[in-house]
Amino acid sequence: MPTLVVTLAFLVPGGSPGDFDLRERHPLAPSLPVLTAEEEKQIQRVIDRFIHYEMGKLSAAEGKKALADLKALGPEAIPGLVHGLNRAANLGGSCPAVVIAARLELLLSATEDRKLLEFVRENVGLGVKQKRHLRSLEDVRLTCLLRKSYLVRNRIEYRPPVSPLKKMTAAELAAAAEKERGPRRQTILKELAEREGGKELVLKQFLRAGDEELKAQLKSDEAAVRLQAVEQIAERKLRYGAELIGLLGDRDAGVRRAAHRALVQLAGGQDFGGDAVERWRAWWDKQK
């Protein structure tokens, strides 16, 4: 089990050791799961704290923990480590860049994901103007190049694991969704919506969902989930004006239309149009 899975399970509210296996895959690197905004912030906090330690801003005990937390970061943290390495390298006189680079090299030397190696090679050093740590940056790029060459030479290609959700029936998915919360539940609902008769079961899930949970579902990656959430918010007459206005620019036309209808209902029949985002925002500001 990747160490970051365990780390985030304790550091991020709602984290679950099996959660990452069910996530959507990262668009730039299929071996990585899509992290929540809070998980990305947590990774950044771990890296920032380590940099502060190397700059002498923490006590010895705090520094020891900061280093341990950095070394506990797994493959899911690679994009964050790249960003952290670039920031650390720009500090010039600091040493954290060397340690972060070493952690990256260790993780990259074990991956079978060629796209991840390309992503790192292309992004390491971006925006770095200081020259002190150019050697560390070049070492990371070389690790990417050598590892990719090894994978190509041995015809090794990364194959994403088959999600255990694929083996579950619609009824089992519906039962699992009732027990879960957060990103894991959204992933289960997305899988359920793709099954025959699944959309009706997803609707039943929304009928039982709490108001705050509905608001959270507005940020789902699945258009069908966002649509059901909007319709339930309208049905309950919930005053989520800011969230509905944000959905006027949704990438899915059905979600945009539903959000517009919900706003007209919220405004008591007043209609500024489906694409008049600024006018809706001005109206909503007056309602607070």
C-alpha atoms as a PDB file:
ATOM      1  CA  MET A   1       0.000   0.000   0.000  1.00  0.00           C
ATOM      2  CA  PRO A   2       1.507   3.408  -0.940  1.00  0.00           C
ATOM      3  CA  THR A   3       2.622   5.276   2.179  1.00  0.00           C
ATOM      4  CA  LEU A   4       0.741   8.440   1.272  1.00  0.00           C
ATOM      5  CA  VAL A   5      -2.519   6.507   1.432  1.00  0.00           C
ATOM      6  CA  VAL A   6      -1.854   5.766   5.076  1.00  0.00           C
ATOM      7  CA  THR A   7      -0.527   9.263   5.780  1.00  0.00           C
ATOM      8  CA  LEU A   8      -3.511  11.081   4.321  1.00  0.00           C
ATOM      9  CA  ALA A   9      -5.917   8.681   5.957  1.00  0.00           C
ATOM     10  CA  PHE A  10      -4.806  10.140   9.292  1.00  0.00           C
ATOM     11  CA  LEU A  11      -4.123  13.732   8.234  1.00  0.00           C
ATOM     12  CA  VAL A  12      -7.135  14.439   6.036  1.00  0.00           C
ATOM     13  CA  PRO A  13     -10.663  14.296   7.465  1.00  0.00           C
ATOM     14  CA  GLY A  14     -12.571  11.431   5.933  1.00  0.00           C
ATOM     15  CA  GLY A  15      -9.438   9.808   4.512  1.00  0.00           C
ATOM     16  CA  SER A  16      -9.600   6.081   3.885  1.00  0.00           C
ATOM     17  CA  PRO A  17      -6.731   3.670   3.111  1.00  0.00           C
ATOM     18  CA  GLY A  18      -8.719   2.070   0.278  1.00  0.00           C
ATOM     19  CA  ASP A  19     -10.009   5.357  -1.061  1.00  0.00           C
ATOM     20  CA  PHE A  20      -7.329   6.042  -3.696  1.00  0.00           C
ATOM     21  CA  ASP A  21      -7.945   2.745  -5.471  1.00  0.00           C
ATOM     22  CA  LEU A  22     -11.452   3.942  -6.363  1.00  0.00           C
ATOM     23  CA  ARG A  23     -10.550   7.455  -7.501  1.00  0.00           C
ATOM     24  CA  GLU A  24     -10.622   8.905 -10.984  1.00  0.00           C
ATOM     25  CA  ARG A  25      -7.146   8.760 -12.517  1.00  0.00           C
ATOM     26  CA  HIS A  26      -5.047  11.892 -12.957  1.00  0.00           C
ATOM     27  CA  PRO A  27      -5.411  13.253 -16.539  1.00  0.00           C
ATOM     28  CA  LEU A  28      -1.627  13.700 -16.892  1.00  0.00           C
ATOM     29  CA  ALA A  29      -0.547  10.474 -15.191  1.00  0.00           C
ATOM     30  CA  PRO A  30      -2.860   7.444 -15.031  1.00  0.00           C
ATOM     31  CA  SER A  31      -0.980   5.866 -12.123  1.00  0.00           C
ATOM     32  CA  LEU A  32      -2.023   8.735  -9.860  1.00  0.00           C
ATOM     33  CA  PRO A  33      -5.483   9.298  -8.379  1.00  0.00           C
ATOM     34  CA  VAL A  34      -7.226  12.655  -8.521  1.00  0.00           C
ATOM     35  CA  LEU A  35      -6.834  14.188  -5.072  1.00  0.00           C
ATOM     36  CA  THR A  36      -9.268  16.492  -3.326  1.00  0.00           C
ATOM     37  CA  ALA A  37      -8.314  20.132  -2.805  1.00  0.00           C
ATOM     38  CA  GLU A  38      -7.817  19.436   0.912  1.00  0.00           C
ATOM     39  CA  GLU A  39      -5.492  16.512   0.202  1.00  0.00           C
ATOM     40  CA  GLU A  40      -3.411  18.655  -2.146  1.00  0.00           C
ATOM     41  CA  LYS A  41      -3.212  21.358   0.537  1.00  0.00           C
ATOM     42  CA  GLN A  42      -2.123  18.777   3.093  1.00  0.00           C
ATOM     43  CA  ILE A  43       0.718  17.618   0.843  1.00  0.00           C
ATOM     44  CA  GLN A  44       1.748  21.244   0.365  1.00  0.00           C
ATOM     45  CA  ARG A  45       1.700  21.806   4.128  1.00  0.00           C
ATOM     46  CA  VAL A  46       4.006  18.805   4.653  1.00  0.00           C
ATOM     47  CA  ILE A  47       6.468  20.147   2.066  1.00  0.00           C
ATOM     48  CA  ASP A  48       6.279  23.726   3.369  1.00  0.00           C
ATOM     49  CA  ARG A  49       6.920  22.553   6.919  1.00  0.00           C
ATOM     50  CA  PHE A  50       9.988  20.630   5.810  1.00  0.00           C
ATOM     51  CA  ILE A  51      11.320  23.712   3.997  1.00  0.00           C
ATOM     52  CA  HIS A  52      10.792  25.748   7.166  1.00  0.00           C
ATOM     53  CA  TYR A  53      12.754  23.124   9.095  1.00  0.00           C
ATOM     54  CA  GLU A  54      15.695  23.328   6.692  1.00  0.00           C
ATOM     55  CA  MET A  55      15.590  27.118   7.017  1.00  0.00           C
ATOM     56  CA  GLY A  56      15.956  26.820  10.794  1.00  0.00           C
ATOM     57  CA  LYS A  57      12.422  27.882  11.673  1.00  0.00           C
ATOM     58  CA  LEU A  58      11.485  24.741  13.639  1.00  0.00           C
ATOM     59  CA  SER A  59      12.769  23.093  16.772  1.00  0.00           C
ATOM     60  CA  ALA A  60      14.777  19.864  16.565  1.00  0.00           C
ATOM     61  CA  ALA A  61      11.750  17.740  17.541  1.00  0.00           C
ATOM     62  CA  GLU A  62       9.494  19.532  15.057  1.00  0.00           C
ATOM     63  CA  GLY A  63      12.129  19.188  12.373  1.00  0.00           C
ATOM     64  CA  LYS A  64      12.455  15.460  12.952  1.00  0.00           C
ATOM     65  CA  LYS A  65       8.716  15.053  12.426  1.00  0.00           C
ATOM     66  CA  ALA A  66       8.761  17.324   9.353  1.00  0.00           C
ATOM     67  CA  LEU A  67      11.434  15.147   7.753  1.00  0.00           C
ATOM     68  CA  ALA A  68       9.551  11.946   8.624  1.00  0.00           C
ATOM     69  CA  ASP A  69       6.343  13.347   7.124  1.00  0.00           C
ATOM     70  CA  LEU A  70       8.172  14.286   3.917  1.00  0.00           C
ATOM     71  CA  LYS A  71       9.666  10.803   3.606  1.00  0.00           C
ATOM     72  CA  ALA A  72       6.201   9.299   4.140  1.00  0.00           C
ATOM     73  CA  LEU A  73       4.810  10.984   1.025  1.00  0.00           C
ATOM     74  CA  GLY A  74       4.114   8.447  -1.697  1.00  0.00           C
ATOM     75  CA  PRO A  75       3.574   8.535  -5.487  1.00  0.00           C
ATOM     76  CA  GLU A  76       0.315  10.509  -5.146  1.00  0.00           C
ATOM     77  CA  ALA A  77       2.410  13.447  -3.915  1.00  0.00           C
ATOM     78  CA  ILE A  78       4.729  13.574  -6.947  1.00  0.00           C
ATOM     79  CA  PRO A  79       3.085  16.644  -8.601  1.00  0.00           C
ATOM     80  CA  GLY A  80       3.216  18.470  -5.260  1.00  0.00           C
ATOM     81  CA  LEU A  81       6.842  17.462  -4.741  1.00  0.00           C
ATOM     82  CA  VAL A  82       7.754  18.828  -8.175  1.00  0.00           C
ATOM     83  CA  HIS A  83       6.148  22.156  -7.278  1.00  0.00           C
ATOM     84  CA  GLY A  84       7.858  22.116  -3.879  1.00  0.00           C
ATOM     85  CA  LEU A  85      11.230  21.301  -5.433  1.00  0.00           C
ATOM     86  CA  ASN A  86      10.974  24.260  -7.795  1.00  0.00           C
ATOM     87  CA  ARG A  87      10.117  26.593  -4.933  1.00  0.00           C
ATOM     88  CA  ALA A  88      12.916  25.251  -2.756  1.00  0.00           C
ATOM     89  CA  ALA A  89      15.450  25.538  -5.604  1.00  0.00           C
ATOM     90  CA  ASN A  90      14.556  29.210  -5.985  1.00  0.00           C
ATOM     91  CA  LEU A  91      15.584  29.862  -2.382  1.00  0.00           C
ATOM     92  CA  GLY A  92      19.171  29.599  -3.536  1.00  0.00           C
ATOM     93  CA  GLY A  93      21.009  29.124  -0.276  1.00  0.00           C
ATOM     94  CA  SER A  94      18.654  26.488   1.099  1.00  0.00           C
ATOM     95  CA  CYS A  95      19.201  22.720   1.302  1.00  0.00           C
ATOM     96  CA  PRO A  96      15.608  21.376   1.174  1.00  0.00           C
ATOM     97  CA  ALA A  97      15.822  21.133  -2.623  1.00  0.00           C
ATOM     98  CA  VAL A  98      18.417  18.350  -2.339  1.00  0.00           C
ATOM     99  CA  VAL A  99      16.262  16.264   0.010  1.00  0.00           C
ATOM    100  CA  ILE A 100      13.049  16.826  -1.972  1.00  0.00           C
ATOM    101  CA  ALA A 101      14.866  15.910  -5.191  1.00  0.00           C
ATOM    102  CA  ALA A 102      16.130  12.693  -3.572  1.00  0.00           C
ATOM    103  CA  ARG A 103      12.585  11.774  -2.508  1.00  0.00           C
ATOM    104  CA  LEU A 104      11.329  12.387  -6.040  1.00  0.00           C
ATOM    105  CA  GLU A 105      14.068  10.246  -7.559  1.00  0.00           C
ATOM    106  CA  LEU A 106      13.227   7.374  -5.216  1.00  0.00           C
ATOM    107  CA  LEU A 107       9.547   7.473  -6.160  1.00  0.00           C
ATOM    108  CA  LEU A 108      10.201   7.889  -9.882  1.00  0.00           C
ATOM    109  CA  SER A 109      12.652   4.986 -10.009  1.00  0.00           C
ATOM    110  CA  ALA A 110       9.795   2.633  -9.075  1.00  0.00           C
ATOM    111  CA  THR A 111       7.035   3.888 -11.386  1.00  0.00           C
ATOM    112  CA  GLU A 112       5.895   2.181 -14.572  1.00  0.00           C
ATOM    113  CA  ASP A 113       3.951   5.246 -15.704  1.00  0.00           C
ATOM    114  CA  ARG A 114       5.703   6.773 -18.732  1.00  0.00           C
ATOM    115  CA  LYS A 115       3.337   9.747 -18.803  1.00  0.00           C
ATOM    116  CA  LEU A 116       4.203  10.549 -15.202  1.00  0.00           C
ATOM    117  CA  LEU A 117       7.906  10.487 -16.053  1.00  0.00           C
ATOM    118  CA  GLU A 118       7.321  12.859 -18.969  1.00  0.00           C
ATOM    119  CA  PHE A 119       5.251  15.181 -16.768  1.00  0.00           C
ATOM    120  CA  VAL A 120       7.985  15.397 -14.162  1.00  0.00           C
ATOM    121  CA  ARG A 121      10.799  15.813 -16.689  1.00  0.00           C
ATOM    122  CA  GLU A 122       8.951  18.681 -18.376  1.00  0.00           C
ATOM    123  CA  ASN A 123       7.994  20.483 -15.150  1.00  0.00           C
ATOM    124  CA  VAL A 124      11.048  20.138 -12.927  1.00  0.00           C
ATOM    125  CA  GLY A 125      12.928  23.452 -12.962  1.00  0.00           C
ATOM    126  CA  LEU A 126      10.085  25.557 -14.374  1.00  0.00           C
ATOM    127  CA  GLY A 127      10.452  29.106 -13.121  1.00  0.00           C
ATOM    128  CA  VAL A 128      13.699  28.365 -11.256  1.00  0.00           C
ATOM    129  CA  LYS A 129      16.126  31.270 -11.618  1.00  0.00           C
ATOM    130  CA  GLN A 130      18.687  30.371  -8.950  1.00  0.00           C
ATOM    131  CA  LYS A 131      21.595  28.230 -10.168  1.00  0.00           C
ATOM    132  CA  ARG A 132      22.761  26.600  -6.936  1.00  0.00           C
ATOM    133  CA  HIS A 133      20.523  23.535  -7.270  1.00  0.00           C
ATOM    134  CA  LEU A 134      20.637  23.024 -11.035  1.00  0.00           C
ATOM    135  CA  ARG A 135      22.513  19.753 -10.451  1.00  0.00           C
ATOM    136  CA  SER A 136      19.661  18.384  -8.302  1.00  0.00           C
ATOM    137  CA  LEU A 137      17.123  19.376 -10.956  1.00  0.00           C
ATOM    138  CA  GLU A 138      19.179  17.731 -13.685  1.00  0.00           C
ATOM    139  CA  ASP A 139      19.490  14.564 -11.590  1.00  0.00           C
ATOM    140  CA  VAL A 140      15.695  14.313 -11.374  1.00  0.00           C
ATOM    141  CA  ARG A 141      15.356  14.786 -15.134  1.00  0.00           C
ATOM    142  CA  LEU A 142      18.023  12.145 -15.733  1.00  0.00           C
ATOM    143  CA  THR A 143      16.183   9.719 -13.451  1.00  0.00           C
ATOM    144  CA  CYS A 144      13.041  10.248 -15.541  1.00  0.00           C
ATOM    145  CA  LEU A 145      14.940   9.686 -18.781  1.00  0.00           C
ATOM    146  CA  LEU A 146      16.706   6.523 -17.584  1.00  0.00           C
ATOM    147  CA  ARG A 147      13.564   5.037 -16.076  1.00  0.00           C
ATOM    148  CA  LYS A 148      11.533   5.666 -19.211  1.00  0.00           C
ATOM    149  CA  SER A 149      14.268   4.127 -21.362  1.00  0.00           C
ATOM    150  CA  TYR A 150      14.223   1.043 -19.125  1.00  0.00           C
ATOM    151  CA  LEU A 151      10.441   0.731 -19.456  1.00  0.00           C
ATOM    152  CA  VAL A 152      10.554   1.080 -23.242  1.00  0.00           C
ATOM    153  CA  ARG A 153      13.467  -1.337 -23.610  1.00  0.00           C
ATOM    154  CA  ASN A 154      11.681  -3.980 -21.525  1.00  0.00           C
ATOM    155  CA  ARG A 155       8.243  -3.242 -23.027  1.00  0.00           C
ATOM    156  CA  ILE A 156       6.770  -2.420 -19.654  1.00  0.00           C
ATOM    157  CA  GLU A 157       3.570  -0.394 -19.775  1.00  0.00           C
ATOM    158  CA  TYR A 158       1.511   0.825 -16.872  1.00  0.00           C
ATOM    159  CA  ARG A 159      -1.909  -0.787 -16.599  1.00  0.00           C
ATOM    160  CA  PRO A 160      -4.351   0.879 -14.205  1.00  0.00           C
ATOM    161  CA  PRO A 161      -5.806  -1.549 -11.662  1.00  0.00           C
ATOM    162  CA  VAL A 162      -9.366  -2.679 -12.284  1.00  0.00           C
ATOM    163  CA  SER A 163     -11.557  -0.907  -9.772  1.00  0.00           C
ATOM    164  CA  PRO A 164     -13.312  -3.282  -7.383  1.00  0.00           C
ATOM    165  CA  LEU A 165     -16.450  -1.268  -8.105  1.00  0.00           C
ATOM    166  CA  LYS A 166     -16.583  -2.854 -11.559  1.00  0.00           C
ATOM    167  CA  LYS A 167     -17.231  -6.219  -9.928  1.00  0.00           C
ATOM    168  CA  MET A 168     -20.155  -4.968  -7.838  1.00  0.00           C
ATOM    169  CA  THR A 169     -23.826  -5.107  -8.815  1.00  0.00           C
ATOM    170  CA  ALA A 170     -25.974  -1.976  -8.935  1.00  0.00           C
ATOM    171  CA  ALA A 171     -27.658  -2.994  -5.682  1.00  0.00           C
ATOM    172  CA  GLU A 172     -24.276  -3.498  -3.994  1.00  0.00           C
ATOM    173  CA  LEU A 173     -23.090  -0.102  -5.221  1.00  0.00           C
ATOM    174  CA  ALA A 174     -26.231   1.562  -3.885  1.00  0.00           C
ATOM    175  CA  ALA A 175     -25.712  -0.095  -0.490  1.00  0.00           C
ATOM    176  CA  ALA A 176     -22.048   0.953  -0.436  1.00  0.00           C
ATOM    177  CA  ALA A 177     -22.926   4.558  -1.320  1.00  0.00           C
ATOM    178  CA  GLU A 178     -25.187   4.791   1.713  1.00  0.00           C
ATOM    179  CA  LYS A 179     -22.234   4.023   3.993  1.00  0.00           C
ATOM    180  CA  GLU A 180     -19.689   6.335   2.385  1.00  0.00           C
ATOM    181  CA  ARG A 181     -19.086  10.076   2.344  1.00  0.00           C
ATOM    182  CA  GLY A 182     -16.839  12.463   0.428  1.00  0.00           C
ATOM    183  CA  PRO A 183     -14.876  11.611  -2.755  1.00  0.00           C
ATOM    184  CA  ARG A 184     -15.287   7.860  -2.256  1.00  0.00           C
ATOM    185  CA  ARG A 185     -19.075   8.193  -2.291  1.00  0.00           C
ATOM    186  CA  GLN A 186     -18.969  10.366  -5.411  1.00  0.00           C
ATOM    187  CA  THR A 187     -16.915   7.720  -7.204  1.00  0.00           C
ATOM    188  CA  ILE A 188     -19.401   5.021  -6.215  1.00  0.00           C
ATOM    189  CA  LEU A 189     -22.344   7.132  -7.385  1.00  0.00           C
ATOM    190  CA  LYS A 190     -20.624   7.786 -10.705  1.00  0.00           C
ATOM    191  CA  GLU A 191     -20.162   4.053 -11.253  1.00  0.00           C
ATOM    192  CA  LEU A 192     -23.760   3.423 -10.205  1.00  0.00           C
ATOM    193  CA  ALA A 193     -25.096   6.017 -12.660  1.00  0.00           C
ATOM    194  CA  GLU A 194     -23.443   4.136 -15.546  1.00  0.00           C
ATOM    195  CA  ARG A 195     -25.241   0.880 -14.761  1.00  0.00           C
ATOM    196  CA  GLU A 196     -28.602  -0.167 -16.202  1.00  0.00           C
ATOM    197  CA  GLY A 197     -31.248   1.195 -13.852  1.00  0.00           C
ATOM    198  CA  GLY A 198     -28.527   2.926 -11.881  1.00  0.00           C
ATOM    199  CA  LYS A 199     -29.761   6.482 -12.367  1.00  0.00           C
ATOM    200  CA  GLU A 200     -32.982   5.660 -10.497  1.00  0.00           C
ATOM    201  CA  LEU A 201     -30.906   4.274  -7.614  1.00  0.00           C
ATOM    202  CA  VAL A 202     -28.728   7.399  -7.653  1.00  0.00           C
ATOM    203  CA  LEU A 203     -31.883   9.520  -7.377  1.00  0.00           C
ATOM    204  CA  LYS A 204     -32.949   7.557  -4.306  1.00  0.00           C
ATOM    205  CA  GLN A 205     -29.565   8.304  -2.781  1.00  0.00           C
ATOM    206  CA  PHE A 206     -30.139  12.014  -3.291  1.00  0.00           C
ATOM    207  CA  LEU A 207     -33.613  11.856  -1.774  1.00  0.00           C
ATOM    208  CA  ARG A 208     -32.006  10.607   1.441  1.00  0.00           C
ATOM    209  CA  ALA A 209     -29.010  12.968   1.339  1.00  0.00           C
ATOM    210  CA  GLY A 210     -28.678  15.872   3.781  1.00  0.00           C
ATOM    211  CA  ASP A 211     -28.640  19.482   2.603  1.00  0.00           C
ATOM    212  CA  GLU A 212     -24.885  19.938   3.066  1.00  0.00           C
ATOM    213  CA  GLU A 213     -24.212  16.687   1.250  1.00  0.00           C
ATOM    214  CA  LEU A 214     -26.243  17.928  -1.703  1.00  0.00           C
ATOM    215  CA  LYS A 215     -24.157  21.082  -1.784  1.00  0.00           C
ATOM    216  CA  ALA A 216     -20.988  18.978  -1.860  1.00  0.00           C
ATOM    217  CA  GLN A 217     -22.346  16.916  -4.771  1.00  0.00           C
ATOM    218  CA  LEU A 218     -22.523  20.079  -6.879  1.00  0.00           C
ATOM    219  CA  LYS A 219     -18.737  19.721  -7.246  1.00  0.00           C
ATOM    220  CA  SER A 220     -18.879  16.126  -8.469  1.00  0.00           C
ATOM    221  CA  ASP A 221     -16.927  15.234 -11.608  1.00  0.00           C
ATOM    222  CA  GLU A 222     -20.001  13.401 -12.900  1.00  0.00           C
ATOM    223  CA  ALA A 223     -22.567  15.592 -14.705  1.00  0.00           C
ATOM    224  CA  ALA A 224     -25.432  13.241 -13.786  1.00  0.00           C
ATOM    225  CA  VAL A 225     -24.574  13.641 -10.092  1.00  0.00           C
ATOM    226  CA  ARG A 226     -24.405  17.450 -10.348  1.00  0.00           C
ATOM    227  CA  LEU A 227     -27.724  17.502 -12.178  1.00  0.00           C
ATOM    228  CA  GLN A 228     -29.493  15.393  -9.555  1.00  0.00           C
ATOM    229  CA  ALA A 229     -28.056  17.603  -6.815  1.00  0.00           C
ATOM    230  CA  VAL A 230     -29.323  20.783  -8.483  1.00  0.00           C
ATOM    231  CA  GLU A 231     -32.789  19.322  -8.954  1.00  0.00           C
ATOM    232  CA  GLN A 232     -32.985  18.212  -5.326  1.00  0.00           C
ATOM    233  CA  ILE A 233     -31.799  21.635  -4.138  1.00  0.00           C
ATOM    234  CA  ALA A 234     -34.566  23.228  -6.190  1.00  0.00           C
ATOM    235  CA  GLU A 235     -37.101  20.725  -4.857  1.00  0.00           C
ATOM    236  CA  ARG A 236     -36.143  21.561  -1.262  1.00  0.00           C
ATOM    237  CA  LYS A 237     -35.989  25.299  -2.017  1.00  0.00           C
ATOM    238  CA  LEU A 238     -32.513  25.542  -0.494  1.00  0.00           C
ATOM    239  CA  ARG A 239     -30.880  28.953  -0.670  1.00  0.00           C
ATOM    240  CA  TYR A 240     -27.632  27.946  -2.349  1.00  0.00           C
ATOM    241  CA  GLY A 241     -27.573  30.925  -4.675  1.00  0.00           C
ATOM    242  CA  ALA A 242     -23.797  31.305  -4.999  1.00  0.00           C
ATOM    243  CA  GLU A 243     -23.342  27.624  -5.822  1.00  0.00           C
ATOM    244  CA  LEU A 244     -26.137  27.642  -8.406  1.00  0.00           C
ATOM    245  CA  ILE A 245     -24.768  30.791 -10.051  1.00  0.00           C
ATOM    246  CA  GLY A 246     -21.398  29.066 -10.331  1.00  0.00           C
ATOM    247  CA  LEU A 247     -23.079  26.232 -12.244  1.00  0.00           C
ATOM    248  CA  LEU A 248     -24.359  28.608 -14.934  1.00  0.00           C
ATOM    249  CA  GLY A 249     -20.935  28.092 -16.475  1.00  0.00           C
ATOM    250  CA  ASP A 250     -20.945  24.312 -16.041  1.00  0.00           C
ATOM    251  CA  ARG A 251     -19.484  22.289 -18.905  1.00  0.00           C
ATOM    252  CA  ASP A 252     -22.704  20.260 -19.146  1.00  0.00           C
ATOM    253  CA  ALA A 253     -25.680  21.956 -20.822  1.00  0.00           C
ATOM    254  CA  GLY A 254     -28.211  20.008 -18.753  1.00  0.00           C
ATOM    255  CA  VAL A 255     -26.621  21.166 -15.508  1.00  0.00           C
ATOM    256  CA  ARG A 256     -26.550  24.773 -16.762  1.00  0.00           C
ATOM    257  CA  ARG A 257     -30.256  24.690 -17.619  1.00  0.00           C
ATOM    258  CA  ALA A 258     -31.175  23.092 -14.287  1.00  0.00           C
ATOM    259  CA  ALA A 259     -29.156  25.693 -12.365  1.00  0.00           C
ATOM    260  CA  HIS A 260     -30.883  28.473 -14.294  1.00  0.00           C
ATOM    261  CA  ARG A 261     -34.327  27.054 -13.492  1.00  0.00           C
ATOM    262  CA  ALA A 262     -33.400  26.718  -9.828  1.00  0.00           C
ATOM    263  CA  LEU A 263     -32.222  30.337  -9.690  1.00  0.00           C
ATOM    264  CA  VAL A 264     -35.417  31.620 -11.310  1.00  0.00           C
ATOM    265  CA  GLN A 265     -37.379  29.690  -8.679  1.00  0.00           C
ATOM    266  CA  LEU A 266     -35.139  31.077  -5.922  1.00  0.00           C
ATOM    267  CA  ALA A 267     -35.710  34.597  -7.257  1.00  0.00           C
ATOM    268  CA  GLY A 268     -39.476  34.185  -7.147  1.00  0.00           C
ATOM    269  CA  GLY A 269     -39.835  34.135 -10.923  1.00  0.00           C
ATOM    270  CA  GLN A 270     -37.395  36.916 -11.714  1.00  0.00           C
ATOM    271  CA  ASP A 271     -35.119  35.889 -14.583  1.00  0.00           C
ATOM    272  CA  PHE A 272     -31.853  37.540 -15.623  1.00  0.00           C
ATOM    273  CA  GLY A 273     -31.083  34.912 -18.255  1.00  0.00           C
ATOM    274  CA  GLY A 274     -29.136  31.696 -18.342  1.00  0.00           C
ATOM    275  CA  ASP A 275     -25.790  33.333 -19.159  1.00  0.00           C
ATOM    276  CA  ALA A 276     -26.068  36.568 -17.152  1.00  0.00           C
ATOM    277  CA  VAL A 277     -23.701  35.455 -14.409  1.00  0.00           C
ATOM    278  CA  GLU A 278     -22.742  38.938 -13.217  1.00  0.00           C
ATOM    279  CA  ARG A 279     -26.362  40.081 -13.009  1.00  0.00           C
ATOM    280  CA  TRP A 280     -27.245  36.988 -10.979  1.00  0.00           C
ATOM    281  CA  ARG A 281     -24.294  37.636  -8.654  1.00  0.00           C
ATOM    282  CA  ALA A 282     -25.352  41.254  -8.162  1.00  0.00           C
ATOM    283  CA  TRP A 283     -28.873  40.091  -7.333  1.00  0.00           C
ATOM    284  CA  TRP A 284     -27.627  37.434  -4.912  1.00  0.00           C
ATOM    285  CA  ASP A 285     -25.359  39.920  -3.108  1.00  0.00           C
ATOM    286  CA  LYS A 286     -28.463  41.975  -2.306  1.00  0.00           C
ATOM    287  CA  GLN A 287     -30.207  38.952  -0.799  1.00  0.00           C
ATOM    288  CA  LYS A 288     -27.607  38.422   1.924  1.00  0.00           C
END
